[in-house]
Amino acid sequence: MSDRETLPVGATGKRQPTEPEFPGESVRRFKTACHSAGRAPGMRLLEIADPSTFASFGTARLALHGVELTALGHIALPWVAFAPSEKDVRMYPVFAPPPAWATHFAASGLRVLSLSFLGKPVSQFDLSELRLVETVLIDLNKPETVGDLLFNYWD
């Protein structure tokens, strides 16, 4: 028995074109959490962007008293991470610690991912539940960390 955490099917956000679409529940929860956070005192929801064609995540730019951060909502899993708001965040996210207002995301049923989790090497995870298309893309793209694996822009 392995003591490594198992990444669930869909962790890469990729599937074969012949496979059914991801259910969309995690995207709905992400949008709900973004709107909830945006209504909190001092908060502003600046923008929500759906996942682009190759991205495994959607984004939302939020600001608390003018300090902006981007939330990254995984397309297939109810997981969220945070990154500084930069123009390349959709292609090359650099992760940031979850802000205090990440509680809005947890309250919406999302797993708020810590910097320590996102920075763990892929080798520390059990990938046995992933689909073939996912493992092939991992072999091709060689993500170093689980954050790179989860929040990717692979073709």
Protein backbone atom coordinates (compact mmCIF):
# COMPACT_ATOMS: atom_id res chain seq x y z
CA MET A 1 0.00 0.00 0.00
CA SER A 2 1.36 3.38 -1.03
CA ASP A 3 1.48 6.33 1.36
CA ARG A 4 1.53 8.72 -1.61
CA GLU A 5 -1.59 10.77 -2.31
CA THR A 6 -3.42 9.49 -5.37
CA LEU A 7 -4.31 12.06 -7.99
CA PRO A 8 -7.83 11.46 -9.29
CA VAL A 9 -8.93 11.01 -12.89
CA GLY A 10 -9.03 14.39 -14.57
CA ALA A 11 -6.13 15.86 -12.58
CA THR A 12 -4.51 17.10 -15.79
CA GLY A 13 -7.82 18.48 -17.05
CA LYS A 14 -7.39 16.43 -20.22
CA ARG A 15 -9.53 13.79 -21.87
CA GLN A 16 -9.84 12.09 -25.24
CA PRO A 17 -12.23 13.83 -27.67
CA THR A 18 -14.32 10.64 -27.64
CA GLU A 19 -14.72 10.76 -23.84
CA PRO A 20 -17.58 12.68 -22.23
CA GLU A 21 -17.04 16.29 -21.20
CA PHE A 22 -16.16 16.91 -17.56
CA PRO A 23 -19.39 17.38 -15.58
CA GLY A 24 -18.82 21.09 -14.96
CA GLU A 25 -19.61 20.97 -11.24
CA SER A 26 -16.16 22.24 -10.24
CA VAL A 27 -16.45 25.18 -12.67
CA ARG A 28 -19.90 26.07 -11.25
CA ARG A 29 -18.56 25.92 -7.69
CA PHE A 30 -15.60 28.07 -8.70
CA LYS A 31 -17.83 30.76 -10.23
CA THR A 32 -20.14 30.69 -7.20
CA ALA A 33 -17.15 31.15 -4.88
CA CYS A 34 -15.81 34.02 -7.00
CA HIS A 35 -19.13 35.86 -6.83
CA SER A 36 -19.38 35.18 -3.09
CA ALA A 37 -15.88 36.55 -2.50
CA GLY A 38 -16.62 39.54 -4.72
CA ARG A 39 -19.56 40.53 -2.49
CA ALA A 40 -17.49 40.52 0.71
CA PRO A 41 -16.61 43.88 2.29
CA GLY A 42 -13.63 45.48 0.57
CA MET A 43 -13.58 42.85 -2.20
CA ARG A 44 -14.12 43.32 -5.91
CA LEU A 45 -14.56 40.66 -8.57
CA LEU A 46 -12.77 42.17 -11.55
CA GLU A 47 -13.11 39.41 -14.13
CA ILE A 48 -13.98 35.74 -14.58
CA ALA A 49 -12.56 33.89 -17.58
CA ASP A 50 -13.70 30.43 -18.60
CA PRO A 51 -11.01 27.87 -19.35
CA SER A 52 -9.51 28.44 -22.78
CA THR A 53 -9.17 25.59 -25.27
CA PHE A 54 -5.97 24.12 -23.87
CA ALA A 55 -6.08 25.31 -20.25
CA SER A 56 -6.99 22.94 -17.43
CA PHE A 57 -8.36 25.85 -15.40
CA GLY A 58 -10.43 29.01 -15.48
CA THR A 59 -9.39 32.23 -13.79
CA ALA A 60 -10.91 35.03 -11.78
CA ARG A 61 -9.22 38.29 -10.89
CA LEU A 62 -10.24 39.56 -7.47
CA ALA A 63 -9.02 42.49 -5.39
CA LEU A 64 -9.19 43.24 -1.69
CA HIS A 65 -8.66 46.93 -0.97
CA GLY A 66 -6.86 47.26 -4.32
CA VAL A 67 -4.53 44.27 -3.85
CA GLU A 68 -5.22 41.98 -6.80
CA LEU A 69 -4.85 38.21 -6.94
CA THR A 70 -5.98 35.63 -9.50
CA ALA A 71 -7.89 32.52 -8.46
CA LEU A 72 -7.36 29.43 -10.62
CA GLY A 73 -10.28 27.01 -10.70
CA HIS A 74 -9.53 23.51 -11.97
CA ILE A 75 -11.74 22.40 -14.86
CA ALA A 76 -12.35 18.83 -13.65
CA LEU A 77 -11.66 18.82 -9.90
CA PRO A 78 -13.16 21.04 -7.19
CA TRP A 79 -9.73 22.53 -6.46
CA VAL A 80 -8.53 26.13 -6.44
CA ALA A 81 -5.11 27.76 -6.32
CA PHE A 82 -3.99 31.39 -6.34
CA ALA A 83 -1.46 33.34 -8.36
CA PRO A 84 -0.30 36.94 -8.63
CA SER A 85 -2.31 38.73 -11.32
CA GLU A 86 -0.01 38.95 -14.30
CA LYS A 87 -0.84 38.89 -17.98
CA ASP A 88 0.77 35.44 -18.46
CA VAL A 89 -1.01 33.79 -15.50
CA ARG A 90 -3.23 31.79 -17.87
CA MET A 91 -0.20 30.20 -19.56
CA TYR A 92 2.42 30.18 -16.81
CA PRO A 93 0.91 30.47 -13.34
CA VAL A 94 3.29 31.22 -10.49
CA PHE A 95 1.47 30.22 -7.36
CA ALA A 96 0.82 32.41 -4.34
CA PRO A 97 -0.28 31.44 -0.84
CA PRO A 98 -4.04 31.29 -0.39
CA PRO A 99 -5.33 34.65 0.85
CA ALA A 100 -7.50 34.99 3.97
CA TRP A 101 -10.54 35.38 1.71
CA ALA A 102 -9.96 31.89 0.29
CA THR A 103 -12.51 30.81 2.91
CA HIS A 104 -15.19 31.79 0.35
CA PHE A 105 -13.85 29.06 -1.92
CA ALA A 106 -13.71 26.45 0.85
CA ALA A 107 -17.29 27.35 1.85
CA SER A 108 -18.35 26.66 -1.75
CA GLY A 109 -16.94 23.13 -1.54
CA LEU A 110 -13.59 23.74 -3.20
CA ARG A 111 -10.30 22.37 -1.91
CA VAL A 112 -7.98 25.34 -1.40
CA LEU A 113 -4.50 24.18 -2.38
CA SER A 114 -1.52 25.32 -0.34
CA LEU A 115 1.82 26.39 -1.75
CA SER A 116 3.44 23.36 -0.12
CA PHE A 117 1.01 21.00 -1.90
CA LEU A 118 1.39 22.74 -5.28
CA GLY A 119 5.18 22.65 -4.98
CA LYS A 120 5.45 18.91 -4.30
CA PRO A 121 7.25 16.91 -6.99
CA VAL A 122 4.98 14.85 -9.24
CA SER A 123 7.04 11.80 -8.23
CA GLN A 124 5.52 12.03 -4.74
CA PHE A 125 2.04 11.24 -6.11
CA ASP A 126 0.36 8.04 -7.18
CA LEU A 127 -0.78 8.54 -10.80
CA SER A 128 -2.35 5.09 -11.23
CA GLU A 129 -5.93 6.39 -11.49
CA LEU A 130 -5.20 8.79 -14.37
CA ARG A 131 -6.43 8.04 -17.88
CA LEU A 132 -3.99 6.98 -20.58
CA VAL A 133 -4.26 10.38 -22.30
CA GLU A 134 -3.24 12.03 -19.02
CA THR A 135 -0.20 9.84 -18.43
CA VAL A 136 0.92 10.31 -22.05
CA LEU A 137 0.68 14.10 -21.67
CA ILE A 138 2.59 13.94 -18.38
CA ASP A 139 5.34 11.96 -20.12
CA LEU A 140 5.44 14.51 -22.97
CA ASN A 141 5.27 17.70 -20.87
CA LYS A 142 7.26 16.48 -17.86
CA PRO A 143 5.73 18.70 -15.18
CA GLU A 144 8.06 19.00 -12.20
CA THR A 145 5.46 19.83 -9.56
CA VAL A 146 1.88 18.82 -8.96
CA GLY A 147 0.93 22.48 -9.44
CA ASP A 148 2.37 22.34 -12.97
CA LEU A 149 0.45 19.12 -13.59
CA LEU A 150 -2.89 20.42 -12.29
CA PHE A 151 -2.82 23.92 -13.76
CA ASN A 152 -1.47 23.48 -17.25
CA TYR A 153 -1.90 24.78 -20.79
CA TRP A 154 -1.04 21.62 -22.69
CA ASP A 155 -2.13 20.93 -26.25
